[in-house]
Amino acid sequence: MSGLMRLYDLEPEQDAPPRNARHDHFAQVLVGVGLGVVGADETGRLTEVSLDGRVLRVMSQDSVARYLVEAVNAVQDAVHHRLVEQRRQQWPGTK
């Protein structure tokens, strides 16, 4: 198998989706024209990428990729701006 692990070899807790995945978002952004949602935690790490399969079937791969990259960039920007705003509230008078 050359070092690759098969999914059925994973322990059940490794293979299971994280609990409360939808509630772990620090920021969340819609993807393009109703493609889905991208969410990230406080570090900017993606916690969710949910895409609508019905829309994906009618769009080209290039279009989907472009919208997805834009959404990932937007959610990371949203995380940054939200963190900046929180720091401003904690330290009034700073810019």
PDB file of N, CA and C in Angstrom:
ATOM      1  N   MET A   1       0.832  -1.191   0.000  1.00  0.00           N
ATOM      2  CA  MET A   1       0.000   0.000   0.000  1.00  0.00           C
ATOM      3  C   MET A   1       0.873   1.249   0.000  1.00  0.00           C
ATOM      4  N   SER A   2       2.152   1.095   0.082  1.00  0.00           N
ATOM      5  CA  SER A   2       3.130   2.184  -0.023  1.00  0.00           C
ATOM      6  C   SER A   2       2.863   3.356   0.921  1.00  0.00           C
ATOM      7  N   GLY A   3       2.594   3.052   2.174  1.00  0.00           N
ATOM      8  CA  GLY A   3       2.482   4.107   3.169  1.00  0.00           C
ATOM      9  C   GLY A   3       1.147   4.823   3.234  1.00  0.00           C
ATOM     10  N   LEU A   4       0.238   4.537   2.331  1.00  0.00           N
ATOM     11  CA  LEU A   4      -1.067   5.195   2.366  1.00  0.00           C
ATOM     12  C   LEU A   4      -2.012   4.418   3.274  1.00  0.00           C
ATOM     13  N   MET A   5      -2.786   5.135   4.048  1.00  0.00           N
ATOM     14  CA  MET A   5      -3.714   4.505   4.960  1.00  0.00           C
ATOM     15  C   MET A   5      -5.096   4.463   4.315  1.00  0.00           C
ATOM     16  N   ARG A   6      -5.738   3.337   4.402  1.00  0.00           N
ATOM     17  CA  ARG A   6      -7.093   3.228   3.868  1.00  0.00           C
ATOM     18  C   ARG A   6      -8.081   3.749   4.901  1.00  0.00           C
ATOM     19  N   LEU A   7      -9.199   4.289   4.420  1.00  0.00           N
ATOM     20  CA  LEU A   7     -10.183   4.865   5.340  1.00  0.00           C
ATOM     21  C   LEU A   7     -10.721   3.832   6.314  1.00  0.00           C
ATOM     22  N   TYR A   8     -10.893   2.589   5.869  1.00  0.00           N
ATOM     23  CA  TYR A   8     -11.468   1.607   6.780  1.00  0.00           C
ATOM     24  C   TYR A   8     -10.463   1.171   7.842  1.00  0.00           C
ATOM     25  N   ASP A   9      -9.194   1.550   7.713  1.00  0.00           N
ATOM     26  CA  ASP A   9      -8.197   1.250   8.732  1.00  0.00           C
ATOM     27  C   ASP A   9      -8.207   2.265   9.871  1.00  0.00           C
ATOM     28  N   LEU A  10      -8.906   3.366   9.689  1.00  0.00           N
ATOM     29  CA  LEU A  10      -8.934   4.402  10.724  1.00  0.00           C
ATOM     30  C   LEU A  10      -9.771   3.958  11.915  1.00  0.00           C
ATOM     31  N   GLU A  11      -9.388   4.423  13.064  1.00  0.00           N
ATOM     32  CA  GLU A  11     -10.194   4.195  14.256  1.00  0.00           C
ATOM     33  C   GLU A  11     -11.506   4.957  14.101  1.00  0.00           C
ATOM     34  N   PRO A  12     -12.597   4.490  14.712  1.00  0.00           N
ATOM     35  CA  PRO A  12     -13.889   5.174  14.556  1.00  0.00           C
ATOM     36  C   PRO A  12     -13.840   6.650  14.933  1.00  0.00           C
ATOM     37  N   GLU A  13     -13.103   7.012  15.982  1.00  0.00           N
ATOM     38  CA  GLU A  13     -13.071   8.418  16.380  1.00  0.00           C
ATOM     39  C   GLU A  13     -12.270   9.269  15.396  1.00  0.00           C
ATOM     40  N   GLN A  14     -11.329   8.678  14.660  1.00  0.00           N
ATOM     41  CA  GLN A  14     -10.578   9.423  13.656  1.00  0.00           C
ATOM     42  C   GLN A  14     -11.408   9.660  12.407  1.00  0.00           C
ATOM     43  N   ASP A  15     -12.264   8.694  12.087  1.00  0.00           N
ATOM     44  CA  ASP A  15     -13.047   8.755  10.858  1.00  0.00           C
ATOM     45  C   ASP A  15     -14.315   9.595  11.024  1.00  0.00           C
ATOM     46  N   ALA A  16     -14.744   9.776  12.251  1.00  0.00           N
ATOM     47  CA  ALA A  16     -15.999  10.492  12.503  1.00  0.00           C
ATOM     48  C   ALA A  16     -15.799  11.989  12.328  1.00  0.00           C
ATOM     49  N   PRO A  17     -16.832  12.682  11.840  1.00  0.00           N
ATOM     50  CA  PRO A  17     -16.728  14.140  11.753  1.00  0.00           C
ATOM     51  C   PRO A  17     -16.668  14.740  13.154  1.00  0.00           C
ATOM     52  N   PRO A  18     -16.036  15.881  13.315  1.00  0.00           N
ATOM     53  CA  PRO A  18     -15.936  16.476  14.642  1.00  0.00           C
ATOM     54  C   PRO A  18     -17.312  16.833  15.196  1.00  0.00           C
ATOM     55  N   ARG A  19     -17.451  16.657  16.480  1.00  0.00           N
ATOM     56  CA  ARG A  19     -18.712  17.032  17.124  1.00  0.00           C
ATOM     57  C   ARG A  19     -18.879  18.540  17.066  1.00  0.00           C
ATOM     58  N   ASN A  20     -20.106  18.965  16.944  1.00  0.00           N
ATOM     59  CA  ASN A  20     -20.436  20.391  16.906  1.00  0.00           C
ATOM     60  C   ASN A  20     -19.658  21.141  15.831  1.00  0.00           C
ATOM     61  N   ALA A  21     -19.418  20.496  14.706  1.00  0.00           N
ATOM     62  CA  ALA A  21     -18.630  21.134  13.645  1.00  0.00           C
ATOM     63  C   ALA A  21     -19.268  22.445  13.199  1.00  0.00           C
ATOM     64  N   ARG A  22     -20.577  22.508  13.177  1.00  0.00           N
ATOM     65  CA  ARG A  22     -21.247  23.718  12.721  1.00  0.00           C
ATOM     66  C   ARG A  22     -21.156  24.844  13.752  1.00  0.00           C
ATOM     67  N   HIS A  23     -20.803  24.513  14.993  1.00  0.00           N
ATOM     68  CA  HIS A  23     -20.746  25.532  16.040  1.00  0.00           C
ATOM     69  C   HIS A  23     -19.319  25.985  16.332  1.00  0.00           C
ATOM     70  N   ASP A  24     -18.337  25.413  15.644  1.00  0.00           N
ATOM     71  CA  ASP A  24     -16.946  25.762  15.888  1.00  0.00           C
ATOM     72  C   ASP A  24     -16.463  26.920  15.026  1.00  0.00           C
ATOM     73  N   HIS A  25     -17.371  27.549  14.286  1.00  0.00           N
ATOM     74  CA  HIS A  25     -16.955  28.605  13.370  1.00  0.00           C
ATOM     75  C   HIS A  25     -16.750  29.920  14.102  1.00  0.00           C
ATOM     76  N   PHE A  26     -15.636  30.519  13.841  1.00  0.00           N
ATOM     77  CA  PHE A  26     -15.368  31.873  14.313  1.00  0.00           C
ATOM     78  C   PHE A  26     -15.865  32.850  13.257  1.00  0.00           C
ATOM     79  N   ALA A  27     -15.768  32.440  11.993  1.00  0.00           N
ATOM     80  CA  ALA A  27     -16.273  33.228  10.864  1.00  0.00           C
ATOM     81  C   ALA A  27     -16.804  32.261   9.808  1.00  0.00           C
ATOM     82  N   GLN A  28     -17.792  32.714   9.073  1.00  0.00           N
ATOM     83  CA  GLN A  28     -18.416  31.872   8.064  1.00  0.00           C
ATOM     84  C   GLN A  28     -18.763  32.730   6.850  1.00  0.00           C
ATOM     85  N   VAL A  29     -18.544  32.188   5.640  1.00  0.00           N
ATOM     86  CA  VAL A  29     -18.761  32.927   4.400  1.00  0.00           C
ATOM     87  C   VAL A  29     -19.506  32.038   3.421  1.00  0.00           C
ATOM     88  N   LEU A  30     -20.441  32.631   2.680  1.00  0.00           N
ATOM     89  CA  LEU A  30     -21.126  31.904   1.621  1.00  0.00           C
ATOM     90  C   LEU A  30     -20.211  31.795   0.412  1.00  0.00           C
ATOM     91  N   VAL A  31     -20.295  30.665  -0.274  1.00  0.00           N
ATOM     92  CA  VAL A  31     -19.463  30.429  -1.455  1.00  0.00           C
ATOM     93  C   VAL A  31     -20.237  30.815  -2.698  1.00  0.00           C
ATOM     94  N   GLY A  32     -19.738  31.806  -3.412  1.00  0.00           N
ATOM     95  CA  GLY A  32     -20.261  32.180  -4.727  1.00  0.00           C
ATOM     96  C   GLY A  32     -21.762  32.323  -4.826  1.00  0.00           C
ATOM     97  N   VAL A  33     -22.315  31.693  -5.831  1.00  0.00           N
ATOM     98  CA  VAL A  33     -23.735  31.832  -6.172  1.00  0.00           C
ATOM     99  C   VAL A  33     -24.530  30.658  -5.604  1.00  0.00           C
ATOM    100  N   GLY A  34     -24.523  30.505  -4.315  1.00  0.00           N
ATOM    101  CA  GLY A  34     -25.273  29.430  -3.681  1.00  0.00           C
ATOM    102  C   GLY A  34     -24.579  28.087  -3.716  1.00  0.00           C
ATOM    103  N   LEU A  35     -23.259  28.089  -3.830  1.00  0.00           N
ATOM    104  CA  LEU A  35     -22.511  26.826  -3.857  1.00  0.00           C
ATOM    105  C   LEU A  35     -22.447  26.165  -2.491  1.00  0.00           C
ATOM    106  N   GLY A  36     -22.408  26.949  -1.435  1.00  0.00           N
ATOM    107  CA  GLY A  36     -22.295  26.381  -0.106  1.00  0.00           C
ATOM    108  C   GLY A  36     -21.726  27.369   0.885  1.00  0.00           C
ATOM    109  N   VAL A  37     -21.016  26.822   1.880  1.00  0.00           N
ATOM    110  CA  VAL A  37     -20.513  27.618   3.000  1.00  0.00           C
ATOM    111  C   VAL A  37     -19.081  27.200   3.319  1.00  0.00           C
ATOM    112  N   VAL A  38     -18.263  28.181   3.693  1.00  0.00           N
ATOM    113  CA  VAL A  38     -16.910  27.927   4.193  1.00  0.00           C
ATOM    114  C   VAL A  38     -16.834  28.553   5.574  1.00  0.00           C
ATOM    115  N   GLY A  39     -16.360  27.794   6.555  1.00  0.00           N
ATOM    116  CA  GLY A  39     -16.222  28.301   7.914  1.00  0.00           C
ATOM    117  C   GLY A  39     -14.797  28.132   8.406  1.00  0.00           C
ATOM    118  N   ALA A  40     -14.378  28.992   9.326  1.00  0.00           N
ATOM    119  CA  ALA A  40     -13.018  28.934   9.872  1.00  0.00           C
ATOM    120  C   ALA A  40     -13.045  29.206  11.368  1.00  0.00           C
ATOM    121  N   ASP A  41     -12.005  28.724  12.053  1.00  0.00           N
ATOM    122  CA  ASP A  41     -11.875  28.987  13.481  1.00  0.00           C
ATOM    123  C   ASP A  41     -11.049  30.255  13.697  1.00  0.00           C
ATOM    124  N   GLU A  42     -10.685  30.535  14.953  1.00  0.00           N
ATOM    125  CA  GLU A  42      -9.975  31.774  15.291  1.00  0.00           C
ATOM    126  C   GLU A  42      -8.595  31.871  14.667  1.00  0.00           C
ATOM    127  N   THR A  43      -8.005  30.741  14.306  1.00  0.00           N
ATOM    128  CA  THR A  43      -6.668  30.757  13.710  1.00  0.00           C
ATOM    129  C   THR A  43      -6.718  30.908  12.194  1.00  0.00           C
ATOM    130  N   GLY A  44      -7.920  30.886  11.624  1.00  0.00           N
ATOM    131  CA  GLY A  44      -8.069  30.960  10.180  1.00  0.00           C
ATOM    132  C   GLY A  44      -8.093  29.598   9.523  1.00  0.00           C
ATOM    133  N   ARG A  45      -7.990  28.560  10.340  1.00  0.00           N
ATOM    134  CA  ARG A  45      -8.032  27.194   9.819  1.00  0.00           C
ATOM    135  C   ARG A  45      -9.459  26.832   9.437  1.00  0.00           C
ATOM    136  N   LEU A  46      -9.633  26.212   8.296  1.00  0.00           N
ATOM    137  CA  LEU A  46     -10.975  25.855   7.841  1.00  0.00           C
ATOM    138  C   LEU A  46     -11.581  24.799   8.750  1.00  0.00           C
ATOM    139  N   THR A  47     -12.817  25.026   9.168  1.00  0.00           N
ATOM    140  CA  THR A  47     -13.533  24.048   9.975  1.00  0.00           C
ATOM    141  C   THR A  47     -14.666  23.413   9.199  1.00  0.00           C
ATOM    142  N   GLU A  48     -15.066  24.044   8.109  1.00  0.00           N
ATOM    143  CA  GLU A  48     -16.137  23.476   7.293  1.00  0.00           C
ATOM    144  C   GLU A  48     -16.025  23.988   5.864  1.00  0.00           C
ATOM    145  N   VAL A  49     -16.223  23.078   4.936  1.00  0.00           N
ATOM    146  CA  VAL A  49     -16.424  23.421   3.534  1.00  0.00           C
ATOM    147  C   VAL A  49     -17.585  22.557   3.084  1.00  0.00           C
ATOM    148  N   SER A  50     -18.761  23.158   2.968  1.00  0.00           N
ATOM    149  CA  SER A  50     -19.966  22.446   2.546  1.00  0.00           C
ATOM    150  C   SER A  50     -20.398  22.986   1.196  1.00  0.00           C
ATOM    151  N   LEU A  51     -20.461  22.102   0.222  1.00  0.00           N
ATOM    152  CA  LEU A  51     -20.838  22.511  -1.126  1.00  0.00           C
ATOM    153  C   LEU A  51     -22.092  21.765  -1.562  1.00  0.00           C
ATOM    154  N   ASP A  52     -22.950  22.444  -2.313  1.00  0.00           N
ATOM    155  CA  ASP A  52     -24.197  21.872  -2.810  1.00  0.00           C
ATOM    156  C   ASP A  52     -23.914  21.077  -4.082  1.00  0.00           C
ATOM    157  N   GLY A  53     -24.102  19.776  -4.021  1.00  0.00           N
ATOM    158  CA  GLY A  53     -23.813  18.904  -5.151  1.00  0.00           C
ATOM    159  C   GLY A  53     -24.636  19.209  -6.385  1.00  0.00           C
ATOM    160  N   ARG A  54     -25.865  19.679  -6.197  1.00  0.00           N
ATOM    161  CA  ARG A  54     -26.716  19.995  -7.358  1.00  0.00           C
ATOM    162  C   ARG A  54     -26.123  21.130  -8.172  1.00  0.00           C
ATOM    163  N   VAL A  55     -25.599  22.130  -7.505  1.00  0.00           N
ATOM    164  CA  VAL A  55     -24.997  23.263  -8.209  1.00  0.00           C
ATOM    165  C   VAL A  55     -23.659  22.851  -8.820  1.00  0.00           C
ATOM    166  N   LEU A  56     -22.918  22.017  -8.106  1.00  0.00           N
ATOM    167  CA  LEU A  56     -21.607  21.591  -8.602  1.00  0.00           C
ATOM    168  C   LEU A  56     -21.704  20.833  -9.924  1.00  0.00           C
ATOM    169  N   ARG A  57     -22.788  20.101 -10.108  1.00  0.00           N
ATOM    170  CA  ARG A  57     -22.936  19.310 -11.335  1.00  0.00           C
ATOM    171  C   ARG A  57     -23.098  20.163 -12.580  1.00  0.00           C
ATOM    172  N   VAL A  58     -23.587  21.383 -12.448  1.00  0.00           N
ATOM    173  CA  VAL A  58     -23.837  22.212 -13.628  1.00  0.00           C
ATOM    174  C   VAL A  58     -22.748  23.260 -13.865  1.00  0.00           C
ATOM    175  N   MET A  59     -21.795  23.370 -12.957  1.00  0.00           N
ATOM    176  CA  MET A  59     -20.731  24.372 -13.107  1.00  0.00           C
ATOM    177  C   MET A  59     -19.437  23.700 -13.550  1.00  0.00           C
ATOM    178  N   SER A  60     -18.596  24.454 -14.237  1.00  0.00           N
ATOM    179  CA  SER A  60     -17.288  23.929 -14.629  1.00  0.00           C
ATOM    180  C   SER A  60     -16.373  23.865 -13.403  1.00  0.00           C
ATOM    181  N   GLN A  61     -15.380  23.010 -13.479  1.00  0.00           N
ATOM    182  CA  GLN A  61     -14.435  22.872 -12.371  1.00  0.00           C
ATOM    183  C   GLN A  61     -13.675  24.170 -12.119  1.00  0.00           C
ATOM    184  N   ASP A  62     -13.365  24.881 -13.188  1.00  0.00           N
ATOM    185  CA  ASP A  62     -12.655  26.157 -13.035  1.00  0.00           C
ATOM    186  C   ASP A  62     -13.489  27.172 -12.266  1.00  0.00           C
ATOM    187  N   SER A  63     -14.780  27.232 -12.571  1.00  0.00           N
ATOM    188  CA  SER A  63     -15.663  28.177 -11.877  1.00  0.00           C
ATOM    189  C   SER A  63     -15.781  27.825 -10.408  1.00  0.00           C
ATOM    190  N   VAL A  64     -15.971  26.537 -10.127  1.00  0.00           N
ATOM    191  CA  VAL A  64     -16.086  26.101  -8.736  1.00  0.00           C
ATOM    192  C   VAL A  64     -14.800  26.429  -7.984  1.00  0.00           C
ATOM    193  N   ALA A  65     -13.660  26.137  -8.599  1.00  0.00           N
ATOM    194  CA  ALA A  65     -12.374  26.408  -7.947  1.00  0.00           C
ATOM    195  C   ALA A  65     -12.204  27.895  -7.667  1.00  0.00           C
ATOM    196  N   ARG A  66     -12.565  28.734  -8.617  1.00  0.00           N
ATOM    197  CA  ARG A  66     -12.425  30.183  -8.433  1.00  0.00           C
ATOM    198  C   ARG A  66     -13.303  30.663  -7.275  1.00  0.00           C
ATOM    199  N   TYR A  67     -14.571  30.223  -7.247  1.00  0.00           N
ATOM    200  CA  TYR A  67     -15.463  30.628  -6.161  1.00  0.00           C
ATOM    201  C   TYR A  67     -14.966  30.109  -4.815  1.00  0.00           C
ATOM    202  N   LEU A  68     -14.436  28.900  -4.802  1.00  0.00           N
ATOM    203  CA  LEU A  68     -13.965  28.323  -3.552  1.00  0.00           C
ATOM    204  C   LEU A  68     -12.739  29.067  -3.018  1.00  0.00           C
ATOM    205  N   VAL A  69     -11.808  29.394  -3.891  1.00  0.00           N
ATOM    206  CA  VAL A  69     -10.625  30.157  -3.473  1.00  0.00           C
ATOM    207  C   VAL A  69     -11.036  31.536  -2.960  1.00  0.00           C
ATOM    208  N   GLU A  70     -11.966  32.188  -3.649  1.00  0.00           N
ATOM    209  CA  GLU A  70     -12.458  33.494  -3.190  1.00  0.00           C
ATOM    210  C   GLU A  70     -13.101  33.380  -1.812  1.00  0.00           C
ATOM    211  N   ALA A  71     -13.879  32.313  -1.590  1.00  0.00           N
ATOM    212  CA  ALA A  71     -14.542  32.135  -0.295  1.00  0.00           C
ATOM    213  C   ALA A  71     -13.530  31.865   0.812  1.00  0.00           C
ATOM    214  N   VAL A  72     -12.517  31.059   0.528  1.00  0.00           N
ATOM    215  CA  VAL A  72     -11.482  30.782   1.534  1.00  0.00           C
ATOM    216  C   VAL A  72     -10.747  32.070   1.895  1.00  0.00           C
ATOM    217  N   ASN A  73     -10.389  32.862   0.896  1.00  0.00           N
ATOM    218  CA  ASN A  73      -9.742  34.151   1.171  1.00  0.00           C
ATOM    219  C   ASN A  73     -10.660  35.070   1.966  1.00  0.00           C
ATOM    220  N   ALA A  74     -11.940  35.087   1.615  1.00  0.00           N
ATOM    221  CA  ALA A  74     -12.899  35.954   2.311  1.00  0.00           C
ATOM    222  C   ALA A  74     -13.084  35.528   3.760  1.00  0.00           C
ATOM    223  N   VAL A  75     -13.144  34.229   4.024  1.00  0.00           N
ATOM    224  CA  VAL A  75     -13.335  33.784   5.406  1.00  0.00           C
ATOM    225  C   VAL A  75     -12.084  34.075   6.227  1.00  0.00           C
ATOM    226  N   GLN A  76     -10.902  33.972   5.638  1.00  0.00           N
ATOM    227  CA  GLN A  76      -9.690  34.320   6.375  1.00  0.00           C
ATOM    228  C   GLN A  76      -9.619  35.821   6.645  1.00  0.00           C
ATOM    229  N   ASP A  77     -10.069  36.626   5.697  1.00  0.00           N
ATOM    230  CA  ASP A  77     -10.163  38.076   5.934  1.00  0.00           C
ATOM    231  C   ASP A  77     -11.162  38.380   7.043  1.00  0.00           C
ATOM    232  N   ALA A  78     -12.289  37.667   7.033  1.00  0.00           N
ATOM    233  CA  ALA A  78     -13.311  37.875   8.065  1.00  0.00           C
ATOM    234  C   ALA A  78     -12.766  37.526   9.442  1.00  0.00           C
ATOM    235  N   VAL A  79     -11.998  36.447   9.537  1.00  0.00           N
ATOM    236  CA  VAL A  79     -11.375  36.080  10.809  1.00  0.00           C
ATOM    237  C   VAL A  79     -10.434  37.192  11.266  1.00  0.00           C
ATOM    238  N   HIS A  80      -9.605  37.682  10.362  1.00  0.00           N
ATOM    239  CA  HIS A  80      -8.661  38.755  10.699  1.00  0.00           C
ATOM    240  C   HIS A  80      -9.394  39.995  11.207  1.00  0.00           C
ATOM    241  N   HIS A  81     -10.410  40.430  10.473  1.00  0.00           N
ATOM    242  CA  HIS A  81     -11.139  41.642  10.864  1.00  0.00           C
ATOM    243  C   HIS A  81     -11.887  41.449  12.179  1.00  0.00           C
ATOM    244  N   ARG A  82     -12.405  40.250  12.392  1.00  0.00           N
ATOM    245  CA  ARG A  82     -13.110  39.999  13.651  1.00  0.00           C
ATOM    246  C   ARG A  82     -12.132  40.018  14.826  1.00  0.00           C
ATOM    247  N   LEU A  83     -10.947  39.444  14.638  1.00  0.00           N
ATOM    248  CA  LEU A  83      -9.940  39.480  15.700  1.00  0.00           C
ATOM    249  C   LEU A  83      -9.485  40.906  15.994  1.00  0.00           C
ATOM    250  N   VAL A  84      -9.290  41.698  14.942  1.00  0.00           N
ATOM    251  CA  VAL A  84      -8.903  43.102  15.124  1.00  0.00           C
ATOM    252  C   VAL A  84      -9.982  43.837  15.905  1.00  0.00           C
ATOM    253  N   GLU A  85     -11.231  43.609  15.556  1.00  0.00           N
ATOM    254  CA  GLU A  85     -12.337  44.281  16.252  1.00  0.00           C
ATOM    255  C   GLU A  85     -12.401  43.864  17.721  1.00  0.00           C
ATOM    256  N   GLN A  86     -12.181  42.586  17.998  1.00  0.00           N
ATOM    257  CA  GLN A  86     -12.177  42.132  19.391  1.00  0.00           C
ATOM    258  C   GLN A  86     -11.052  42.795  20.180  1.00  0.00           C
ATOM    259  N   ARG A  87      -9.888  42.925  19.576  1.00  0.00           N
ATOM    260  CA  ARG A  87      -8.759  43.572  20.267  1.00  0.00           C
ATOM    261  C   ARG A  87      -9.043  45.044  20.521  1.00  0.00           C
ATOM    262  N   ARG A  88      -9.702  45.686  19.564  1.00  0.00           N
ATOM    263  CA  ARG A  88     -10.065  47.101  19.763  1.00  0.00           C
ATOM    264  C   ARG A  88     -11.015  47.257  20.941  1.00  0.00           C
ATOM    265  N   GLN A  89     -11.937  46.328  21.080  1.00  0.00           N
ATOM    266  CA  GLN A  89     -12.882  46.403  22.192  1.00  0.00           C
ATOM    267  C   GLN A  89     -12.183  46.135  23.517  1.00  0.00           C
ATOM    268  N   GLN A  90     -11.176  45.258  23.506  1.00  0.00           N
ATOM    269  CA  GLN A  90     -10.438  44.957  24.731  1.00  0.00           C
ATOM    270  C   GLN A  90      -9.512  46.105  25.127  1.00  0.00           C
ATOM    271  N   TRP A  91      -8.963  46.801  24.133  1.00  0.00           N
ATOM    272  CA  TRP A  91      -8.012  47.875  24.371  1.00  0.00           C
ATOM    273  C   TRP A  91      -8.524  49.154  23.730  1.00  0.00           C
ATOM    274  N   PRO A  92      -9.466  49.838  24.355  1.00  0.00           N
ATOM    275  CA  PRO A  92      -9.995  51.077  23.773  1.00  0.00           C
ATOM    276  C   PRO A  92      -8.883  52.106  23.571  1.00  0.00           C
ATOM    277  N   GLY A  93      -9.013  52.861  22.505  1.00  0.00           N
ATOM    278  CA  GLY A  93      -8.036  53.897  22.211  1.00  0.00           C
ATOM    279  C   GLY A  93      -6.941  53.447  21.273  1.00  0.00           C
ATOM    280  N   THR A  94      -6.888  52.137  20.950  1.00  0.00           N
ATOM    281  CA  THR A  94      -5.887  51.671  19.989  1.00  0.00           C
ATOM    282  C   THR A  94      -6.497  51.627  18.603  1.00  0.00           C
ATOM    283  N   LYS A  95      -5.648  51.711  17.605  1.00  0.00           N
ATOM    284  CA  LYS A  95      -6.143  51.691  16.229  1.00  0.00           C
ATOM    285  C   LYS A  95      -5.828  50.401  15.545  1.00  0.00           C
TER     286      LYS A  95
END
